[in-house]
Structures are given as structure tokens and as C-alpha cells.
Amino acid sequence: MLVEKEEVARQVYDTALAAAKASAASVTAAKANVDAARQSVEQAGSVLTSAQAGHRAAQTAPNQVAATRARALSAEGIVKQKRAVLEQAELNLRYTKIIAPVTGQVRKTVVVGMNVQPGHNC
């Protein structure tokens, strides 16, 4: 009967060893699952941080639009002002030209401040 006890003990040992190895493999797999879950949490945290930054940027959009609109209106005012200055300069330039109603020659020197009447012989 000694042989039977030894075989039973060996069988129990082998079964216990196999169970222990299976348990160790389960623990290793569980640790890997925990590490994967931690990585997923970290990635989700990064996505959340990025989304929060995007949200904050989106909240400033109305102010940015208002500021851009104000700059556009200011630029439009400056353009109108510059256009008026240009028109005045063009008008002043037209005042400097003497246009004769007929072709010919002027025999008199025209001086600044002098008024010349149409049809007047100079």
C-alpha cells in the first residue's frame, strides 16, 4: 500500500502544482489587464484635457469674432477716410490745370493766384 500512497500523493502534488501554475498565469494576466486599464485611463485623461482646452478655446470664439469685427469696422473707417483724402487731392490737382476751350498759345505768363477768364486774350 505504500506504492498507492505515493501515487496518490504524487497525483495530488501534480494537481496542486498545475493549479498553482494556472493561478500564477491568471495573476500575470490580471496584472497585464490592470496595466492596460491604466493606459486606457491615461489616454482618456489626455483626451479629456485636450477636449477641455478645445472647449475653452471655443468659449473665446465670440470675443474673437467681436474683436475681429471691430478691427474690420475700424479698417473700413480708415479706408473711407483715405478715400476722402485721395478725392480731395484729385480735386486739388484738377484745380492746378488750366484747360483752354480752344487750341492755341498763351502769350502771357500765368502766375499763382491769377484768375484767367474764358475767352480772355492773354
C-alpha atoms as a PDB file:
ATOM      1  CA  MET A   1       0.000   0.000   0.000  1.00  0.00           C
ATOM      2  CA  LEU A   2       2.937   2.234   0.227  1.00  0.00           C
ATOM      3  CA  VAL A   3       3.024   2.500  -3.532  1.00  0.00           C
ATOM      4  CA  GLU A   4      -0.586   3.603  -3.634  1.00  0.00           C
ATOM      5  CA  LYS A   5       0.002   6.341  -1.071  1.00  0.00           C
ATOM      6  CA  GLU A   6       2.968   7.575  -3.041  1.00  0.00           C
ATOM      7  CA  GLU A   7       0.999   7.627  -6.282  1.00  0.00           C
ATOM      8  CA  VAL A   8      -1.899   9.436  -4.676  1.00  0.00           C
ATOM      9  CA  ALA A   9       0.439  11.915  -3.058  1.00  0.00           C
ATOM     10  CA  ARG A  10       2.219  12.452  -6.387  1.00  0.00           C
ATOM     11  CA  GLN A  11      -1.118  12.901  -8.137  1.00  0.00           C
ATOM     12  CA  VAL A  12      -2.263  15.422  -5.527  1.00  0.00           C
ATOM     13  CA  TYR A  13       1.070  17.225  -5.846  1.00  0.00           C
ATOM     14  CA  ASP A  14       0.849  17.351  -9.638  1.00  0.00           C
ATOM     15  CA  THR A  15      -2.743  18.616  -9.454  1.00  0.00           C
ATOM     16  CA  ALA A  16      -1.803  21.242  -6.876  1.00  0.00           C
ATOM     17  CA  LEU A  17       1.227  22.283  -8.960  1.00  0.00           C
ATOM     18  CA  ALA A  18      -0.894  22.614 -12.096  1.00  0.00           C
ATOM     19  CA  ALA A  19      -3.465  24.645 -10.158  1.00  0.00           C
ATOM     20  CA  ALA A  20      -0.713  26.877  -8.763  1.00  0.00           C
ATOM     21  CA  LYS A  21       0.722  27.419 -12.259  1.00  0.00           C
ATOM     22  CA  ALA A  22      -2.748  28.228 -13.577  1.00  0.00           C
ATOM     23  CA  SER A  23      -3.284  30.655 -10.702  1.00  0.00           C
ATOM     24  CA  ALA A  24       0.102  32.309 -11.392  1.00  0.00           C
ATOM     25  CA  ALA A  25      -0.836  32.659 -15.061  1.00  0.00           C
ATOM     26  CA  SER A  26      -4.170  34.178 -14.040  1.00  0.00           C
ATOM     27  CA  VAL A  27      -2.369  36.662 -11.771  1.00  0.00           C
ATOM     28  CA  THR A  28       0.020  37.603 -14.610  1.00  0.00           C
ATOM     29  CA  ALA A  29      -2.916  38.067 -16.990  1.00  0.00           C
ATOM     30  CA  ALA A  30      -4.755  40.147 -14.389  1.00  0.00           C
ATOM     31  CA  LYS A  31      -1.672  42.355 -13.934  1.00  0.00           C
ATOM     32  CA  ALA A  32      -1.499  42.833 -17.701  1.00  0.00           C
ATOM     33  CA  ASN A  33      -5.188  43.764 -17.712  1.00  0.00           C
ATOM     34  CA  VAL A  34      -4.582  46.282 -14.906  1.00  0.00           C
ATOM     35  CA  ASP A  35      -1.675  47.834 -16.864  1.00  0.00           C
ATOM     36  CA  ALA A  36      -3.824  48.040 -19.988  1.00  0.00           C
ATOM     37  CA  ALA A  37      -6.644  49.621 -17.984  1.00  0.00           C
ATOM     38  CA  ARG A  38      -4.192  52.188 -16.528  1.00  0.00           C
ATOM     39  CA  GLN A  39      -3.018  53.080 -20.034  1.00  0.00           C
ATOM     40  CA  SER A  40      -6.622  53.456 -21.154  1.00  0.00           C
ATOM     41  CA  VAL A  41      -7.316  55.753 -18.201  1.00  0.00           C
ATOM     42  CA  GLU A  42      -4.216  57.845 -19.010  1.00  0.00           C
ATOM     43  CA  GLN A  43      -5.242  58.104 -22.672  1.00  0.00           C
ATOM     44  CA  ALA A  44      -8.771  59.073 -21.666  1.00  0.00           C
ATOM     45  CA  GLY A  45      -7.288  61.722 -19.361  1.00  0.00           C
ATOM     46  CA  SER A  46      -5.240  63.120 -22.250  1.00  0.00           C
ATOM     47  CA  VAL A  47      -8.302  63.180 -24.492  1.00  0.00           C
ATOM     48  CA  LEU A  48     -10.264  64.921 -21.737  1.00  0.00           C
ATOM     49  CA  THR A  49      -7.536  67.537 -21.259  1.00  0.00           C
ATOM     50  CA  SER A  50      -7.439  68.172 -24.995  1.00  0.00           C
ATOM     51  CA  ALA A  51     -11.227  68.430 -25.175  1.00  0.00           C
ATOM     52  CA  GLN A  52     -11.271  70.862 -22.251  1.00  0.00           C
ATOM     53  CA  ALA A  53      -8.674  73.045 -23.997  1.00  0.00           C
ATOM     54  CA  GLY A  54     -10.779  72.970 -27.155  1.00  0.00           C
ATOM     55  CA  HIS A  55     -13.847  73.898 -25.151  1.00  0.00           C
ATOM     56  CA  ARG A  56     -12.067  76.855 -23.542  1.00  0.00           C
ATOM     57  CA  ALA A  57     -10.879  77.999 -26.979  1.00  0.00           C
ATOM     58  CA  ALA A  58     -14.408  77.685 -28.339  1.00  0.00           C
ATOM     59  CA  GLN A  59     -15.741  79.794 -25.487  1.00  0.00           C
ATOM     60  CA  THR A  60     -13.414  82.639 -26.506  1.00  0.00           C
ATOM     61  CA  ALA A  61     -14.585  82.474 -30.130  1.00  0.00           C
ATOM     62  CA  PRO A  62     -17.424  85.030 -29.712  1.00  0.00           C
ATOM     63  CA  ASN A  63     -14.971  87.528 -28.219  1.00  0.00           C
ATOM     64  CA  GLN A  64     -12.516  86.855 -31.033  1.00  0.00           C
ATOM     65  CA  VAL A  65     -15.270  87.392 -33.606  1.00  0.00           C
ATOM     66  CA  ALA A  66     -16.294  90.653 -31.924  1.00  0.00           C
ATOM     67  CA  ALA A  67     -12.685  91.864 -31.844  1.00  0.00           C
ATOM     68  CA  THR A  68     -12.187  90.935 -35.499  1.00  0.00           C
ATOM     69  CA  ARG A  69     -15.438  92.683 -36.430  1.00  0.00           C
ATOM     70  CA  ALA A  70     -14.317  95.814 -34.553  1.00  0.00           C
ATOM     71  CA  ARG A  71     -10.955  95.772 -36.362  1.00  0.00           C
ATOM     72  CA  ALA A  72     -12.758  95.355 -39.695  1.00  0.00           C
ATOM     73  CA  LEU A  73     -15.046  98.322 -38.959  1.00  0.00           C
ATOM     74  CA  SER A  74     -12.051 100.401 -37.920  1.00  0.00           C
ATOM     75  CA  ALA A  75     -10.219  99.454 -41.116  1.00  0.00           C
ATOM     76  CA  GLU A  76     -13.320 100.325 -43.134  1.00  0.00           C
ATOM     77  CA  GLY A  77     -13.394 103.760 -41.478  1.00  0.00           C
ATOM     78  CA  ILE A  78      -9.718 104.277 -42.258  1.00  0.00           C
ATOM     79  CA  VAL A  79     -10.319 103.287 -45.894  1.00  0.00           C
ATOM     80  CA  LYS A  80     -13.182 105.788 -46.160  1.00  0.00           C
ATOM     81  CA  GLN A  81     -11.001 108.494 -44.618  1.00  0.00           C
ATOM     82  CA  LYS A  82      -8.111 107.740 -47.004  1.00  0.00           C
ATOM     83  CA  ARG A  83     -10.519 107.672 -49.949  1.00  0.00           C
ATOM     84  CA  ALA A  84     -11.803 111.142 -48.970  1.00  0.00           C
ATOM     85  CA  VAL A  85      -8.213 112.434 -48.728  1.00  0.00           C
ATOM     86  CA  LEU A  86      -7.491 110.961 -52.173  1.00  0.00           C
ATOM     87  CA  GLU A  87     -10.605 112.547 -53.677  1.00  0.00           C
ATOM     88  CA  GLN A  88      -9.632 115.915 -52.193  1.00  0.00           C
ATOM     89  CA  ALA A  89      -6.107 115.542 -53.608  1.00  0.00           C
ATOM     90  CA  GLU A  90      -7.515 114.667 -57.052  1.00  0.00           C
ATOM     91  CA  LEU A  91      -9.816 117.689 -56.869  1.00  0.00           C
ATOM     92  CA  ASN A  92      -6.900 119.926 -55.862  1.00  0.00           C
ATOM     93  CA  LEU A  93      -4.876 118.517 -58.764  1.00  0.00           C
ATOM     94  CA  ARG A  94      -7.665 119.409 -61.204  1.00  0.00           C
ATOM     95  CA  TYR A  95      -7.560 122.970 -59.892  1.00  0.00           C
ATOM     96  CA  THR A  96      -3.886 123.205 -60.924  1.00  0.00           C
ATOM     97  CA  LYS A  97      -4.580 122.535 -64.606  1.00  0.00           C
ATOM     98  CA  ILE A  98      -5.540 125.295 -66.961  1.00  0.00           C
ATOM     99  CA  ILE A  99      -7.745 123.905 -69.681  1.00  0.00           C
ATOM    100  CA  ALA A 100      -8.290 126.101 -72.731  1.00  0.00           C
ATOM    101  CA  PRO A 101     -11.582 125.887 -74.589  1.00  0.00           C
ATOM    102  CA  VAL A 102      -9.735 126.087 -77.911  1.00  0.00           C
ATOM    103  CA  THR A 103      -6.276 125.179 -79.045  1.00  0.00           C
ATOM    104  CA  GLY A 104      -3.700 127.930 -79.147  1.00  0.00           C
ATOM    105  CA  GLN A 105      -0.919 129.505 -77.226  1.00  0.00           C
ATOM    106  CA  VAL A 106      -0.889 131.601 -74.105  1.00  0.00           C
ATOM    107  CA  ARG A 107       1.200 134.713 -74.583  1.00  0.00           C
ATOM    108  CA  LYS A 108       1.195 135.777 -71.023  1.00  0.00           C
ATOM    109  CA  THR A 109       2.715 134.045 -68.040  1.00  0.00           C
ATOM    110  CA  VAL A 110       0.171 132.684 -65.608  1.00  0.00           C
ATOM    111  CA  VAL A 111       1.084 133.249 -62.002  1.00  0.00           C
ATOM    112  CA  VAL A 112      -0.235 131.507 -58.869  1.00  0.00           C
ATOM    113  CA  GLY A 113      -3.300 133.397 -57.626  1.00  0.00           C
ATOM    114  CA  MET A 114      -4.083 134.928 -61.002  1.00  0.00           C
ATOM    115  CA  ASN A 115      -7.603 134.440 -62.335  1.00  0.00           C
ATOM    116  CA  VAL A 116      -7.968 133.673 -66.031  1.00  0.00           C
ATOM    117  CA  GLN A 117     -11.370 134.153 -67.673  1.00  0.00           C
ATOM    118  CA  PRO A 118     -12.517 132.071 -70.629  1.00  0.00           C
ATOM    119  CA  GLY A 119     -12.246 133.939 -73.934  1.00  0.00           C
ATOM    120  CA  HIS A 120      -9.784 136.438 -72.477  1.00  0.00           C
ATOM    121  CA  ASN A 121      -6.736 137.157 -74.600  1.00  0.00           C
ATOM    122  CA  CYS A 122      -3.667 136.732 -72.518  1.00  0.00           C
END
